[in-house]
Amino acid sequence: MEVPRWLTAYVSLLAFLYGVVFWLGVQVIKVVWFLVMVLFFFLVYGIGFCFGKLLRRRVVPISE
């Protein structure tokens, strides 16, 4: 039994498109993860900066 050429072409095109979509999905996930990490580190930096400013005048010196 011979497989029709259009079926072979269709399955090949479908496999190629699934591969491209999977690759693009991985790239999008990597970019989104990078942006989430950057925003998280900016948040941590901002919290540290704010608490550093707030606590700077409230620290009691030990030498007195």
PDB file of N, CA and C in Angstrom:
ATOM      1  N   MET A   1       0.840  -1.182   0.000  1.00  0.00           N
ATOM      2  CA  MET A   1       0.000   0.000   0.000  1.00  0.00           C
ATOM      3  C   MET A   1       0.887   1.248   0.000  1.00  0.00           C
ATOM      4  N   GLU A   2       0.614   2.113  -0.920  1.00  0.00           N
ATOM      5  CA  GLU A   2       1.413   3.327  -1.047  1.00  0.00           C
ATOM      6  C   GLU A   2       0.708   4.492  -0.334  1.00  0.00           C
ATOM      7  N   VAL A   3       1.481   5.253   0.442  1.00  0.00           N
ATOM      8  CA  VAL A   3       0.931   6.400   1.166  1.00  0.00           C
ATOM      9  C   VAL A   3       0.852   7.573   0.195  1.00  0.00           C
ATOM     10  N   PRO A   4      -0.284   8.259   0.143  1.00  0.00           N
ATOM     11  CA  PRO A   4      -0.399   9.409  -0.767  1.00  0.00           C
ATOM     12  C   PRO A   4       0.619  10.497  -0.419  1.00  0.00           C
ATOM     13  N   ARG A   5       1.091  11.184  -1.466  1.00  0.00           N
ATOM     14  CA  ARG A   5       2.108  12.227  -1.252  1.00  0.00           C
ATOM     15  C   ARG A   5       1.552  13.389  -0.440  1.00  0.00           C
ATOM     16  N   TRP A   6       0.286  13.731  -0.644  1.00  0.00           N
ATOM     17  CA  TRP A   6      -0.267  14.868   0.093  1.00  0.00           C
ATOM     18  C   TRP A   6      -0.315  14.587   1.586  1.00  0.00           C
ATOM     19  N   LEU A   7      -0.539  13.303   1.955  1.00  0.00           N
ATOM     20  CA  LEU A   7      -0.572  12.945   3.363  1.00  0.00           C
ATOM     21  C   LEU A   7       0.821  13.044   3.986  1.00  0.00           C
ATOM     22  N   THR A   8       1.814  12.594   3.261  1.00  0.00           N
ATOM     23  CA  THR A   8       3.194  12.720   3.736  1.00  0.00           C
ATOM     24  C   THR A   8       3.583  14.187   3.893  1.00  0.00           C
ATOM     25  N   ALA A   9       3.220  15.011   2.896  1.00  0.00           N
ATOM     26  CA  ALA A   9       3.535  16.436   2.968  1.00  0.00           C
ATOM     27  C   ALA A   9       2.797  17.091   4.125  1.00  0.00           C
ATOM     28  N   TYR A  10       1.555  16.714   4.316  1.00  0.00           N
ATOM     29  CA  TYR A  10       0.754  17.294   5.398  1.00  0.00           C
ATOM     30  C   TYR A  10       1.349  16.944   6.761  1.00  0.00           C
ATOM     31  N   VAL A  11       1.705  15.688   6.964  1.00  0.00           N
ATOM     32  CA  VAL A  11       2.262  15.257   8.251  1.00  0.00           C
ATOM     33  C   VAL A  11       3.620  15.913   8.477  1.00  0.00           C
ATOM     34  N   SER A  12       4.423  16.029   7.430  1.00  0.00           N
ATOM     35  CA  SER A  12       5.727  16.671   7.558  1.00  0.00           C
ATOM     36  C   SER A  12       5.571  18.145   7.916  1.00  0.00           C
ATOM     37  N   LEU A  13       4.651  18.828   7.254  1.00  0.00           N
ATOM     38  CA  LEU A  13       4.403  20.238   7.550  1.00  0.00           C
ATOM     39  C   LEU A  13       3.871  20.414   8.967  1.00  0.00           C
ATOM     40  N   LEU A  14       2.995  19.528   9.384  1.00  0.00           N
ATOM     41  CA  LEU A  14       2.454  19.596  10.732  1.00  0.00           C
ATOM     42  C   LEU A  14       3.558  19.396  11.770  1.00  0.00           C
ATOM     43  N   ALA A  15       4.437  18.425  11.553  1.00  0.00           N
ATOM     44  CA  ALA A  15       5.540  18.185  12.489  1.00  0.00           C
ATOM     45  C   ALA A  15       6.468  19.392  12.536  1.00  0.00           C
ATOM     46  N   PHE A  16       6.748  19.990  11.371  1.00  0.00           N
ATOM     47  CA  PHE A  16       7.601  21.179  11.331  1.00  0.00           C
ATOM     48  C   PHE A  16       6.961  22.337  12.096  1.00  0.00           C
ATOM     49  N   LEU A  17       5.666  22.558  11.891  1.00  0.00           N
ATOM     50  CA  LEU A  17       4.986  23.652  12.575  1.00  0.00           C
ATOM     51  C   LEU A  17       4.925  23.415  14.088  1.00  0.00           C
ATOM     52  N   TYR A  18       4.699  22.179  14.503  1.00  0.00           N
ATOM     53  CA  TYR A  18       4.714  21.879  15.937  1.00  0.00           C
ATOM     54  C   TYR A  18       6.093  22.158  16.531  1.00  0.00           C
ATOM     55  N   GLY A  19       7.145  21.821  15.805  1.00  0.00           N
ATOM     56  CA  GLY A  19       8.503  22.105  16.272  1.00  0.00           C
ATOM     57  C   GLY A  19       8.758  23.593  16.416  1.00  0.00           C
ATOM     58  N   VAL A  20       8.325  24.381  15.428  1.00  0.00           N
ATOM     59  CA  VAL A  20       8.520  25.832  15.479  1.00  0.00           C
ATOM     60  C   VAL A  20       7.731  26.437  16.630  1.00  0.00           C
ATOM     61  N   VAL A  21       6.491  26.005  16.806  1.00  0.00           N
ATOM     62  CA  VAL A  21       5.659  26.536  17.888  1.00  0.00           C
ATOM     63  C   VAL A  21       6.252  26.159  19.248  1.00  0.00           C
ATOM     64  N   PHE A  22       6.741  24.943  19.386  1.00  0.00           N
ATOM     65  CA  PHE A  22       7.363  24.525  20.639  1.00  0.00           C
ATOM     66  C   PHE A  22       8.604  25.359  20.933  1.00  0.00           C
ATOM     67  N   TRP A  23       9.451  25.588  19.911  1.00  0.00           N
ATOM     68  CA  TRP A  23      10.659  26.389  20.085  1.00  0.00           C
ATOM     69  C   TRP A  23      10.305  27.823  20.484  1.00  0.00           C
ATOM     70  N   LEU A  24       9.305  28.414  19.817  1.00  0.00           N
ATOM     71  CA  LEU A  24       8.885  29.769  20.165  1.00  0.00           C
ATOM     72  C   LEU A  24       8.323  29.825  21.585  1.00  0.00           C
ATOM     73  N   GLY A  25       7.578  28.803  21.971  1.00  0.00           N
ATOM     74  CA  GLY A  25       7.045  28.757  23.333  1.00  0.00           C
ATOM     75  C   GLY A  25       8.152  28.714  24.367  1.00  0.00           C
ATOM     76  N   VAL A  26       9.191  27.947  24.113  1.00  0.00           N
ATOM     77  CA  VAL A  26      10.323  27.882  25.039  1.00  0.00           C
ATOM     78  C   VAL A  26      11.005  29.240  25.130  1.00  0.00           C
ATOM     79  N   GLN A  27      11.180  29.909  23.992  1.00  0.00           N
ATOM     80  CA  GLN A  27      11.822  31.227  23.998  1.00  0.00           C
ATOM     81  C   GLN A  27      10.974  32.240  24.776  1.00  0.00           C
ATOM     82  N   VAL A  28       9.677  32.208  24.584  1.00  0.00           N
ATOM     83  CA  VAL A  28       8.795  33.136  25.301  1.00  0.00           C
ATOM     84  C   VAL A  28       8.854  32.868  26.800  1.00  0.00           C
ATOM     85  N   ILE A  29       8.851  31.608  27.195  1.00  0.00           N
ATOM     86  CA  ILE A  29       8.928  31.271  28.619  1.00  0.00           C
ATOM     87  C   ILE A  29      10.248  31.759  29.203  1.00  0.00           C
ATOM     88  N   LYS A  30      11.350  31.618  28.458  1.00  0.00           N
ATOM     89  CA  LYS A  30      12.642  32.088  28.956  1.00  0.00           C
ATOM     90  C   LYS A  30      12.653  33.601  29.132  1.00  0.00           C
ATOM     91  N   VAL A  31      12.083  34.335  28.187  1.00  0.00           N
ATOM     92  CA  VAL A  31      12.056  35.798  28.287  1.00  0.00           C
ATOM     93  C   VAL A  31      11.173  36.231  29.451  1.00  0.00           C
ATOM     94  N   VAL A  32      10.011  35.598  29.598  1.00  0.00           N
ATOM     95  CA  VAL A  32       9.105  35.950  30.700  1.00  0.00           C
ATOM     96  C   VAL A  32       9.774  35.643  32.038  1.00  0.00           C
ATOM     97  N   TRP A  33      10.443  34.517  32.150  1.00  0.00           N
ATOM     98  CA  TRP A  33      11.129  34.163  33.395  1.00  0.00           C
ATOM     99  C   TRP A  33      12.227  35.180  33.702  1.00  0.00           C
ATOM    100  N   PHE A  34      12.967  35.608  32.683  1.00  0.00           N
ATOM    101  CA  PHE A  34      14.017  36.618  32.875  1.00  0.00           C
ATOM    102  C   PHE A  34      13.411  37.921  33.382  1.00  0.00           C
ATOM    103  N   LEU A  35      12.298  38.357  32.788  1.00  0.00           N
ATOM    104  CA  LEU A  35      11.670  39.604  33.221  1.00  0.00           C
ATOM    105  C   LEU A  35      11.135  39.504  34.652  1.00  0.00           C
ATOM    106  N   VAL A  36      10.567  38.367  35.008  1.00  0.00           N
ATOM    107  CA  VAL A  36      10.072  38.171  36.370  1.00  0.00           C
ATOM    108  C   VAL A  36      11.227  38.247  37.365  1.00  0.00           C
ATOM    109  N   MET A  37      12.361  37.634  37.030  1.00  0.00           N
ATOM    110  CA  MET A  37      13.520  37.682  37.926  1.00  0.00           C
ATOM    111  C   MET A  37      14.064  39.102  38.053  1.00  0.00           C
ATOM    112  N   VAL A  38      14.113  39.839  36.951  1.00  0.00           N
ATOM    113  CA  VAL A  38      14.591  41.226  37.008  1.00  0.00           C
ATOM    114  C   VAL A  38      13.672  42.067  37.890  1.00  0.00           C
ATOM    115  N   LEU A  39      12.366  41.924  37.710  1.00  0.00           N
ATOM    116  CA  LEU A  39      11.432  42.681  38.541  1.00  0.00           C
ATOM    117  C   LEU A  39      11.534  42.280  40.009  1.00  0.00           C
ATOM    118  N   PHE A  40      11.731  41.004  40.276  1.00  0.00           N
ATOM    119  CA  PHE A  40      11.880  40.531  41.651  1.00  0.00           C
ATOM    120  C   PHE A  40      13.121  41.132  42.301  1.00  0.00           C
ATOM    121  N   PHE A  41      14.241  41.164  41.565  1.00  0.00           N
ATOM    122  CA  PHE A  41      15.459  41.712  42.145  1.00  0.00           C
ATOM    123  C   PHE A  41      15.356  43.224  42.330  1.00  0.00           C
ATOM    124  N   PHE A  42      14.654  43.915  41.428  1.00  0.00           N
ATOM    125  CA  PHE A  42      14.409  45.338  41.642  1.00  0.00           C
ATOM    126  C   PHE A  42      13.551  45.556  42.892  1.00  0.00           C
ATOM    127  N   LEU A  43      12.573  44.696  43.096  1.00  0.00           N
ATOM    128  CA  LEU A  43      11.732  44.790  44.291  1.00  0.00           C
ATOM    129  C   LEU A  43      12.555  44.576  45.554  1.00  0.00           C
ATOM    130  N   VAL A  44      13.413  43.556  45.550  1.00  0.00           N
ATOM    131  CA  VAL A  44      14.270  43.291  46.704  1.00  0.00           C
ATOM    132  C   VAL A  44      15.213  44.462  46.938  1.00  0.00           C
ATOM    133  N   TYR A  45      15.780  45.006  45.872  1.00  0.00           N
ATOM    134  CA  TYR A  45      16.672  46.148  46.004  1.00  0.00           C
ATOM    135  C   TYR A  45      15.924  47.361  46.564  1.00  0.00           C
ATOM    136  N   GLY A  46      14.715  47.600  46.068  1.00  0.00           N
ATOM    137  CA  GLY A  46      13.926  48.731  46.548  1.00  0.00           C
ATOM    138  C   GLY A  46      13.557  48.591  48.011  1.00  0.00           C
ATOM    139  N   ILE A  47      13.172  47.382  48.420  1.00  0.00           N
ATOM    140  CA  ILE A  47      12.834  47.162  49.834  1.00  0.00           C
ATOM    141  C   ILE A  47      14.070  47.379  50.700  1.00  0.00           C
ATOM    142  N   GLY A  48      15.202  46.844  50.264  1.00  0.00           N
ATOM    143  CA  GLY A  48      16.438  47.051  51.025  1.00  0.00           C
ATOM    144  C   GLY A  48      16.815  48.522  51.094  1.00  0.00           C
ATOM    145  N   PHE A  49      16.642  49.235  50.004  1.00  0.00           N
ATOM    146  CA  PHE A  49      16.976  50.662  49.979  1.00  0.00           C
ATOM    147  C   PHE A  49      16.063  51.438  50.922  1.00  0.00           C
ATOM    148  N   CYS A  50      14.763  51.143  50.886  1.00  0.00           N
ATOM    149  CA  CYS A  50      13.814  51.855  51.754  1.00  0.00           C
ATOM    150  C   CYS A  50      14.092  51.554  53.213  1.00  0.00           C
ATOM    151  N   PHE A  51      14.316  50.292  53.583  1.00  0.00           N
ATOM    152  CA  PHE A  51      14.576  49.957  54.973  1.00  0.00           C
ATOM    153  C   PHE A  51      15.916  50.516  55.418  1.00  0.00           C
ATOM    154  N   GLY A  52      16.881  50.588  54.528  1.00  0.00           N
ATOM    155  CA  GLY A  52      18.163  51.188  54.877  1.00  0.00           C
ATOM    156  C   GLY A  52      18.005  52.663  55.189  1.00  0.00           C
ATOM    157  N   LYS A  53      17.180  53.365  54.410  1.00  0.00           N
ATOM    158  CA  LYS A  53      16.927  54.783  54.674  1.00  0.00           C
ATOM    159  C   LYS A  53      16.161  54.968  55.981  1.00  0.00           C
ATOM    160  N   LEU A  54      15.185  54.080  56.230  1.00  0.00           N
ATOM    161  CA  LEU A  54      14.370  54.236  57.422  1.00  0.00           C
ATOM    162  C   LEU A  54      15.149  53.935  58.694  1.00  0.00           C
ATOM    163  N   LEU A  55      16.009  52.916  58.645  1.00  0.00           N
ATOM    164  CA  LEU A  55      16.701  52.487  59.849  1.00  0.00           C
ATOM    165  C   LEU A  55      17.986  53.256  60.107  1.00  0.00           C
ATOM    166  N   ARG A  56      18.421  54.076  59.168  1.00  0.00           N
ATOM    167  CA  ARG A  56      19.700  54.753  59.334  1.00  0.00           C
ATOM    168  C   ARG A  56      19.674  55.690  60.544  1.00  0.00           C
ATOM    169  N   ARG A  57      18.577  56.397  60.782  1.00  0.00           N
ATOM    170  CA  ARG A  57      18.504  57.363  61.876  1.00  0.00           C
ATOM    171  C   ARG A  57      18.021  56.731  63.175  1.00  0.00           C
ATOM    172  N   ARG A  58      17.624  55.484  63.150  1.00  0.00           N
ATOM    173  CA  ARG A  58      17.054  54.880  64.345  1.00  0.00           C
ATOM    174  C   ARG A  58      18.032  53.941  65.052  1.00  0.00           C
ATOM    175  N   VAL A  59      19.212  53.789  64.496  1.00  0.00           N
ATOM    176  CA  VAL A  59      20.177  52.887  65.121  1.00  0.00           C
ATOM    177  C   VAL A  59      20.814  53.610  66.308  1.00  0.00           C
ATOM    178  N   VAL A  60      20.820  52.942  67.446  1.00  0.00           N
ATOM    179  CA  VAL A  60      21.403  53.518  68.651  1.00  0.00           C
ATOM    180  C   VAL A  60      22.880  53.172  68.679  1.00  0.00           C
ATOM    181  N   PRO A  61      23.771  54.162  68.792  1.00  0.00           N
ATOM    182  CA  PRO A  61      25.202  53.853  68.841  1.00  0.00           C
ATOM    183  C   PRO A  61      25.557  53.097  70.115  1.00  0.00           C
ATOM    184  N   ILE A  62      26.466  52.154  69.999  1.00  0.00           N
ATOM    185  CA  ILE A  62      26.853  51.325  71.141  1.00  0.00           C
ATOM    186  C   ILE A  62      27.835  52.073  72.040  1.00  0.00           C
ATOM    187  N   SER A  63      28.639  52.969  71.494  1.00  0.00           N
ATOM    188  CA  SER A  63      29.717  53.608  72.263  1.00  0.00           C
ATOM    189  C   SER A  63      29.205  54.591  73.309  1.00  0.00           C
ATOM    190  N   GLU A  64      27.982  55.011  73.255  1.00  0.00           N
ATOM    191  CA  GLU A  64      27.504  56.017  74.220  1.00  0.00           C
ATOM    192  C   GLU A  64      27.033  55.398  75.509  1.00  0.00           C
TER     193      GLU A  64
END
